Structures are given as structure tokens and as C-alpha cells.
Amino acid sequence: MKKAIGCSAQVVLLLAAVALIAVPIACLATVTAPLHSPQLAEKFTCPPNTKLVTEWYQATWNQPGEKTLSAWCEDAEGKRYDTLPQDSKMLWTGLGVYFPYVFIPLLVIGALILVVLNAMGIAIGSLLKKTVRTTNEPHPGP
């Protein structure tokens, strides 16, 4: 009978799989942050002493009824700052902000699934051992 994968390997594989799922989701959350949480995005998108301003507008390429989101940083005097120079910093900082929110729940769910699967494997293994033992006993004569 083949031996199952070890506990350490299961933990490493779980961490790797969860990280591979969490990183792209956290990147998407960072890129779309001005849509769902502009106050949080302001912290890693705009320079100090500015605030993130968002505006929906009808662009020429939009279909009727569609709108496009425009985002920029603005200081107290109303001077606009483009967010584009901040994009590389924004991605790494935003990834650091959103990664724990994605990673931790996925890790907990993955760990619970792993515990259940291991318990099922142990239960099935012990049932198989019992059936193998009972079938290998000598058969009583007639």
C-alpha cells in the first residue's frame, strides 16, 4: 500500500496553493480599489496631503448607459495629480493591504478541507485494515 503524503508536505502545498490563488485576487482588488473602497485606495494611490477623487463619465467609446471611472488625486487647493506615476508603488502597497484579507480566509478554508480529507483517509485506512484482517483469518471448516 502506498504511503500518503507527509504532514509537512501537505502544509507546504497548502501554503503554496493558497498564495497562488491569493496573489492574483489581491492584485485585482488593488487595481479595482477606487471602485469599491476609495478611502482605502487613497492611502496607497495618492501622494501625502492629497485625496482621491473619482468621477463617472460618459466616454465616446462607451455604449449608451455605460460609464467610465476616472480617478485622480487632488490637494486642498484643487490641483490635480495623475495617479499613473504612483501605479508601481500602488500595486505593491495595495498587494500588502489586500493580501492578508484574501490569504487568511483561504488558508483557514484550505486547512479545514485538509483536516477533513486526512480524517477521511485515516477512517478509510482503518476500515480497510479491519477488512483485510478479517478476510485473512482461517475459514472454519464445515
Protein backbone atom coordinates (compact mmCIF):
# COMPACT_ATOMS: atom_id res chain seq x y z
CA MET A 1 0.00 0.00 0.00
CA LYS A 2 1.32 3.45 -0.93
CA LYS A 3 2.15 5.82 1.87
CA ALA A 4 0.25 9.10 1.90
CA ILE A 5 1.99 12.44 1.52
CA GLY A 6 3.54 13.67 4.77
CA CYS A 7 2.16 16.37 7.03
CA SER A 8 4.97 18.84 6.29
CA ALA A 9 4.48 18.42 2.55
CA GLN A 10 0.73 18.95 2.94
CA VAL A 11 1.30 22.21 4.83
CA VAL A 12 3.81 23.45 2.24
CA LEU A 13 1.49 22.56 -0.64
CA LEU A 14 -1.44 24.22 1.14
CA LEU A 15 0.54 27.43 1.69
CA ALA A 16 1.78 27.45 -1.91
CA ALA A 17 -1.68 26.80 -3.38
CA VAL A 18 -3.34 29.46 -1.21
CA ALA A 19 -0.63 32.00 -2.07
CA LEU A 20 -1.01 31.25 -5.79
CA ILE A 21 -4.73 31.93 -5.50
CA ALA A 22 -4.46 34.92 -3.14
CA VAL A 23 -1.86 36.96 -5.05
CA PRO A 24 -3.90 37.47 -8.26
CA ILE A 25 -7.08 38.17 -6.27
CA ALA A 26 -5.23 40.74 -4.13
CA CYS A 27 -3.81 42.35 -7.29
CA LEU A 28 -7.31 42.62 -8.77
CA ALA A 29 -8.58 44.11 -5.52
CA THR A 30 -5.75 46.66 -5.63
CA VAL A 31 -6.42 47.67 -9.22
CA THR A 32 -10.16 48.00 -8.63
CA ALA A 33 -9.82 49.65 -5.20
CA PRO A 34 -11.06 53.07 -6.37
CA LEU A 35 -14.35 51.37 -7.27
CA HIS A 36 -15.07 49.58 -4.01
CA SER A 37 -13.05 51.39 -1.35
CA PRO A 38 -11.73 54.80 -2.44
CA GLN A 39 -10.77 55.83 1.10
CA LEU A 40 -8.51 52.80 1.44
CA ALA A 41 -7.10 53.25 -2.07
CA GLU A 42 -6.30 56.87 -1.28
CA LYS A 43 -3.70 55.76 1.26
CA PHE A 44 -1.60 53.92 -1.32
CA THR A 45 -2.55 55.75 -4.52
CA CYS A 46 -2.15 59.45 -3.73
CA PRO A 47 0.81 61.50 -2.54
CA PRO A 48 0.67 62.87 1.03
CA ASN A 49 -1.79 65.70 1.72
CA THR A 50 -3.98 64.81 -1.25
CA LYS A 51 -7.24 62.95 -1.54
CA LEU A 52 -8.53 60.51 -4.14
CA VAL A 53 -11.34 61.90 -6.26
CA THR A 54 -13.40 59.64 -8.50
CA GLU A 55 -15.88 60.57 -11.19
CA TRP A 56 -18.06 58.55 -13.55
CA TYR A 57 -18.36 60.00 -17.05
CA GLN A 58 -19.75 59.04 -20.45
CA ALA A 59 -16.79 58.44 -22.78
CA THR A 60 -17.05 58.36 -26.56
CA TRP A 61 -16.27 54.62 -26.61
CA ASN A 62 -19.00 53.78 -24.07
CA GLN A 63 -22.25 52.21 -25.14
CA PRO A 64 -25.40 54.14 -24.21
CA GLY A 65 -25.91 53.84 -20.46
CA GLU A 66 -22.30 52.78 -19.76
CA LYS A 67 -19.91 55.00 -17.85
CA THR A 68 -16.16 55.05 -17.24
CA LEU A 69 -14.50 55.75 -13.91
CA SER A 70 -11.87 58.44 -13.75
CA ALA A 71 -9.67 58.75 -10.66
CA TRP A 72 -7.11 61.38 -9.70
CA CYS A 73 -5.53 62.84 -6.62
CA GLU A 74 -6.35 66.37 -5.57
CA ASP A 75 -4.78 68.63 -2.96
CA ALA A 76 -6.56 71.23 -0.78
CA GLU A 77 -6.09 73.94 -3.43
CA GLY A 78 -7.77 71.84 -6.12
CA LYS A 79 -4.59 70.94 -8.04
CA ARG A 80 -4.91 67.57 -9.75
CA TYR A 81 -2.23 64.87 -9.65
CA ASP A 82 -2.32 61.94 -12.02
CA THR A 83 -2.34 58.53 -10.35
CA LEU A 84 -0.27 56.93 -13.14
CA PRO A 85 3.17 57.74 -11.62
CA GLN A 86 2.04 56.00 -8.44
CA ASP A 87 0.93 52.77 -10.17
CA SER A 88 4.00 50.65 -9.43
CA LYS A 89 4.05 51.74 -5.79
CA MET A 90 0.29 51.34 -5.63
CA LEU A 91 0.39 47.74 -6.80
CA TRP A 92 2.93 46.61 -4.20
CA THR A 93 1.42 48.59 -1.36
CA GLY A 94 -2.11 47.56 -2.27
CA LEU A 95 -0.99 43.95 -2.53
CA GLY A 96 0.31 44.24 1.01
CA VAL A 97 -3.01 45.71 2.14
CA TYR A 98 -5.33 43.21 0.46
CA PHE A 99 -3.20 40.02 0.59
CA PRO A 100 -3.97 39.20 4.25
CA TYR A 101 -7.70 39.72 3.65
CA VAL A 102 -7.60 37.11 0.89
CA PHE A 103 -4.87 34.79 2.18
CA ILE A 104 -6.10 34.18 5.73
CA PRO A 105 -9.67 33.08 4.88
CA LEU A 106 -8.41 30.89 2.04
CA LEU A 107 -5.84 29.36 4.38
CA VAL A 108 -8.47 28.60 7.02
CA ILE A 109 -10.81 27.03 4.46
CA GLY A 110 -7.95 25.03 2.93
CA ALA A 111 -6.79 23.83 6.36
CA LEU A 112 -10.32 22.70 7.24
CA ILE A 113 -10.60 20.81 3.96
CA LEU A 114 -7.20 19.24 4.57
CA VAL A 115 -8.20 18.14 8.09
CA VAL A 116 -11.43 16.60 6.78
CA LEU A 117 -9.65 14.79 3.95
CA ASN A 118 -6.98 13.47 6.32
CA ALA A 119 -9.64 12.29 8.78
CA MET A 120 -11.47 10.55 5.95
CA GLY A 121 -8.21 8.94 4.82
CA ILE A 122 -7.48 7.69 8.32
CA ALA A 123 -11.03 6.36 8.70
CA ILE A 124 -10.94 4.60 5.32
CA GLY A 125 -7.47 3.23 6.07
CA SER A 126 -8.56 1.78 9.40
CA LEU A 127 -11.66 0.25 7.79
CA LEU A 128 -9.50 -1.34 5.10
CA LYS A 129 -7.15 -2.77 7.73
CA LYS A 130 -10.10 -4.32 9.58
CA THR A 131 -11.47 -5.90 6.42
CA VAL A 132 -8.06 -7.22 5.41
CA ARG A 133 -7.55 -8.75 8.86
CA THR A 134 -10.94 -10.45 8.90
CA THR A 135 -10.55 -11.88 5.41
CA ASN A 136 -7.07 -13.30 6.14
CA GLU A 137 -8.26 -15.29 9.16
CA PRO A 138 -8.57 -19.03 8.56
CA HIS A 139 -12.01 -20.09 7.46
CA PRO A 140 -13.62 -22.54 9.89
CA GLY A 141 -14.39 -25.92 8.41
CA PRO A 142 -17.91 -27.24 7.76
